[in-house]
Amino acid sequence: MTMEMTDLELLRLVSRGDEHAFEALYARHAATLLAYAEGLLRDRGPAEEALQETFIAVWRGAASFEERSLVRTWLFGICRRQALKRMRGHLPAPRPLDDALDLPSPEPGPQAVALARADAAAVAAALGALAPLHREVLDLAFAAEMSHAEIAEVLGIPVGTVKSRLFNARAALARALPVVVEEAGR
């Protein structure tokens, strides 16, 4: 019954104390939220705690949802706040974007070549080496399949900043991956 319902319909039922709707909302979003929290925290234990606290907050605050965003975006925002609470003191001091990010190489196509040649271990290592703001935006864009507008809402930043971070995150990932270029004629 609840699996055909929209997230908004489920959340409205949760706000009235419907445990089955809560379970359905959890089943629908928990895996993606856990992956997101784990990407932020780099540790499964605290990520699971953040997920638990996220859904406690959802249970308690469902009635406060103002429908100014998608339920899914609201859930990611709650999860992000819970994860950041667990990162106390572990975030680097914010730096100006110009100082924090290197410009991508002007050479044509390194991203495509690197991604095509990289194996899973190299990708995992490269992702692990990225700055947290780059990992987070990539997680939201590709793992959570969020639009630029949804990412902007979750992170509380302008859409243009999301686009810039995605561009720079992809470039940083491409630089971190090994590039193997075959020579022509051999």
Protein backbone atom coordinates (compact mmCIF):
# COMPACT_ATOMS: atom_id res chain seq x y z
CA MET A 1 0.00 0.00 0.00
CA THR A 2 2.58 2.63 1.07
CA MET A 3 5.08 1.75 -1.69
CA GLU A 4 2.87 3.41 -4.32
CA MET A 5 2.60 6.59 -2.28
CA THR A 6 4.74 9.64 -2.93
CA ASP A 7 7.31 10.78 -0.40
CA LEU A 8 5.11 13.74 0.46
CA GLU A 9 2.11 11.51 1.13
CA LEU A 10 4.26 9.26 3.32
CA LEU A 11 5.67 12.22 5.24
CA ARG A 12 2.18 13.58 5.87
CA LEU A 13 1.22 10.20 7.34
CA VAL A 14 4.42 10.16 9.41
CA SER A 15 3.46 13.56 10.82
CA ARG A 16 0.30 11.88 12.14
CA GLY A 17 2.29 9.05 13.76
CA ASP A 18 1.92 6.39 11.03
CA GLU A 19 4.73 3.90 11.68
CA HIS A 20 4.15 1.99 8.43
CA ALA A 21 4.60 5.19 6.42
CA PHE A 22 7.77 5.91 8.40
CA GLU A 23 9.09 2.42 7.61
CA ALA A 24 8.30 2.92 3.91
CA LEU A 25 10.09 6.29 3.86
CA TYR A 26 13.07 4.69 5.61
CA ALA A 27 13.15 1.76 3.19
CA ARG A 28 13.02 4.12 0.23
CA HIS A 29 15.83 6.47 1.32
CA ALA A 30 18.02 4.89 4.02
CA ALA A 31 20.59 3.24 1.74
CA THR A 32 21.27 6.41 -0.25
CA LEU A 33 21.39 8.57 2.88
CA LEU A 34 23.77 6.12 4.57
CA ALA A 35 26.08 6.16 1.55
CA TYR A 36 26.00 9.96 1.57
CA ALA A 37 26.78 10.16 5.30
CA GLU A 38 29.55 7.61 4.93
CA GLY A 39 31.03 9.66 2.10
CA LEU A 40 31.08 12.71 4.34
CA LEU A 41 32.34 10.98 7.47
CA ARG A 42 34.60 8.35 5.88
CA ASP A 43 33.55 5.91 8.63
CA ARG A 44 30.56 3.55 8.64
CA GLY A 45 29.89 3.70 12.41
CA PRO A 46 29.36 7.46 12.66
CA ALA A 47 27.51 7.37 9.32
CA GLU A 48 25.04 4.86 10.77
CA GLU A 49 24.62 7.11 13.81
CA ALA A 50 23.97 10.09 11.53
CA LEU A 51 21.38 8.06 9.63
CA GLN A 52 19.66 7.04 12.86
CA GLU A 53 19.59 10.64 14.08
CA THR A 54 18.29 11.74 10.68
CA PHE A 55 15.27 9.49 10.94
CA ILE A 56 14.67 10.41 14.58
CA ALA A 57 14.57 14.03 13.42
CA VAL A 58 12.21 13.06 10.60
CA TRP A 59 9.87 11.29 13.02
CA ARG A 60 9.88 14.24 15.38
CA GLY A 61 9.80 16.98 12.74
CA ALA A 62 7.61 15.60 9.94
CA ALA A 63 4.85 18.06 10.78
CA SER A 64 7.29 20.96 10.38
CA PHE A 65 7.98 20.14 6.71
CA GLU A 66 6.88 23.25 4.82
CA GLU A 67 6.86 21.78 1.29
CA ARG A 68 9.35 24.37 0.02
CA SER A 69 11.50 21.54 -1.32
CA LEU A 70 11.21 17.88 -2.21
CA VAL A 71 10.98 15.50 0.73
CA ARG A 72 14.12 13.79 -0.59
CA THR A 73 16.06 17.06 -0.56
CA TRP A 74 14.81 17.78 2.97
CA LEU A 75 16.03 14.34 4.09
CA PHE A 76 19.49 14.95 2.62
CA GLY A 77 19.65 18.31 4.39
CA ILE A 78 18.85 16.69 7.73
CA CYS A 79 21.37 13.92 7.08
CA ARG A 80 24.05 16.45 6.17
CA ARG A 81 23.49 18.40 9.39
CA GLN A 82 23.66 15.18 11.43
CA ALA A 83 26.89 14.13 9.70
CA LEU A 84 28.46 17.56 10.18
CA LYS A 85 27.67 17.39 13.91
CA ARG A 86 29.83 14.27 14.02
CA MET A 87 32.68 15.96 12.19
CA ARG A 88 33.22 18.60 14.89
CA GLY A 89 36.67 20.01 14.52
CA HIS A 90 37.56 17.78 11.58
CA LEU A 91 36.64 20.21 8.81
CA PRO A 92 39.43 22.32 7.35
CA ALA A 93 39.02 26.05 7.65
CA PRO A 94 37.14 27.46 4.67
CA ARG A 95 39.41 28.96 2.01
CA PRO A 96 38.60 31.21 -0.92
CA LEU A 97 37.70 29.17 -3.98
CA ASP A 98 40.65 30.60 -5.93
CA ASP A 99 43.08 29.44 -3.24
CA ALA A 100 41.47 26.07 -2.63
CA LEU A 101 41.18 24.77 -6.17
CA ASP A 102 43.77 24.30 -8.88
CA LEU A 103 42.83 25.14 -12.42
CA PRO A 104 42.30 22.08 -14.61
CA SER A 105 44.97 21.20 -17.13
CA PRO A 106 44.49 22.82 -20.55
CA GLU A 107 45.41 19.54 -22.27
CA PRO A 108 42.47 18.09 -24.18
CA GLY A 109 40.59 15.09 -22.85
CA PRO A 110 42.50 13.94 -19.74
CA GLN A 111 39.28 13.32 -17.90
CA ALA A 112 37.86 10.99 -20.52
CA VAL A 113 41.15 9.13 -20.94
CA ALA A 114 41.69 8.77 -17.19
CA LEU A 115 38.17 7.61 -16.44
CA ALA A 116 38.19 5.14 -19.32
CA ARG A 117 41.48 3.59 -18.17
CA ALA A 118 41.05 3.60 -14.40
CA ASP A 119 40.08 0.49 -12.48
CA ALA A 120 37.80 0.44 -9.47
CA ALA A 121 40.64 0.55 -6.93
CA ALA A 122 42.19 3.57 -8.60
CA VAL A 123 38.84 5.35 -8.66
CA ALA A 124 38.25 4.59 -4.97
CA ALA A 125 41.73 5.84 -4.08
CA ALA A 126 41.27 8.97 -6.18
CA LEU A 127 37.89 9.70 -4.59
CA GLY A 128 39.41 9.23 -1.15
CA ALA A 129 42.09 11.79 -1.98
CA LEU A 130 39.59 14.48 -3.01
CA ALA A 131 38.79 17.40 -0.77
CA PRO A 132 35.60 16.82 1.27
CA LEU A 133 33.69 19.51 -0.66
CA HIS A 134 34.51 17.72 -3.92
CA ARG A 135 33.55 14.27 -2.61
CA GLU A 136 30.29 15.62 -1.25
CA VAL A 137 29.18 17.28 -4.46
CA LEU A 138 30.11 14.19 -6.51
CA ASP A 139 28.22 11.94 -4.07
CA LEU A 140 25.11 14.08 -4.36
CA ALA A 141 25.30 14.40 -8.13
CA PHE A 142 26.14 10.82 -9.03
CA ALA A 143 25.33 8.52 -6.10
CA ALA A 144 22.17 10.36 -5.02
CA GLU A 145 21.38 11.45 -8.60
CA MET A 146 20.39 14.95 -7.51
CA SER A 147 19.94 17.89 -9.86
CA HIS A 148 22.10 20.98 -9.50
CA ALA A 149 19.18 22.79 -7.86
CA GLU A 150 18.66 19.99 -5.34
CA ILE A 151 22.36 19.92 -4.48
CA ALA A 152 22.33 23.69 -4.04
CA GLU A 153 19.41 23.38 -1.64
CA VAL A 154 21.02 20.61 0.41
CA LEU A 155 24.34 22.44 0.68
CA GLY A 156 22.85 25.91 1.06
CA ILE A 157 24.88 27.33 -1.83
CA PRO A 158 24.00 28.91 -5.20
CA VAL A 159 23.50 26.68 -8.25
CA GLY A 160 26.47 28.35 -9.93
CA THR A 161 28.69 27.26 -7.03
CA VAL A 162 27.40 23.71 -7.41
CA LYS A 163 28.34 23.75 -11.10
CA SER A 164 31.77 25.15 -10.30
CA ARG A 165 32.39 22.57 -7.59
CA LEU A 166 31.29 19.76 -9.90
CA PHE A 167 33.58 20.98 -12.67
CA ASN A 168 36.53 21.27 -10.29
CA ALA A 169 35.73 17.96 -8.58
CA ARG A 170 35.72 16.15 -11.94
CA ALA A 171 38.98 17.82 -12.91
CA ALA A 172 40.59 16.93 -9.56
CA LEU A 173 39.37 13.35 -9.95
CA ALA A 174 40.80 13.15 -13.45
CA ARG A 175 44.16 14.48 -12.22
CA ALA A 176 44.19 11.93 -9.39
CA LEU A 177 43.56 8.98 -11.69
CA PRO A 178 46.37 7.29 -13.61
CA VAL A 179 46.38 8.12 -17.31
CA VAL A 180 47.65 5.58 -19.79
CA VAL A 181 47.91 6.86 -23.34
CA GLU A 182 48.73 4.39 -26.07
CA GLU A 183 51.11 5.68 -28.70
CA ALA A 184 49.81 5.69 -32.26
CA GLY A 185 51.43 3.19 -34.62
CA ARG A 186 52.57 0.68 -32.02
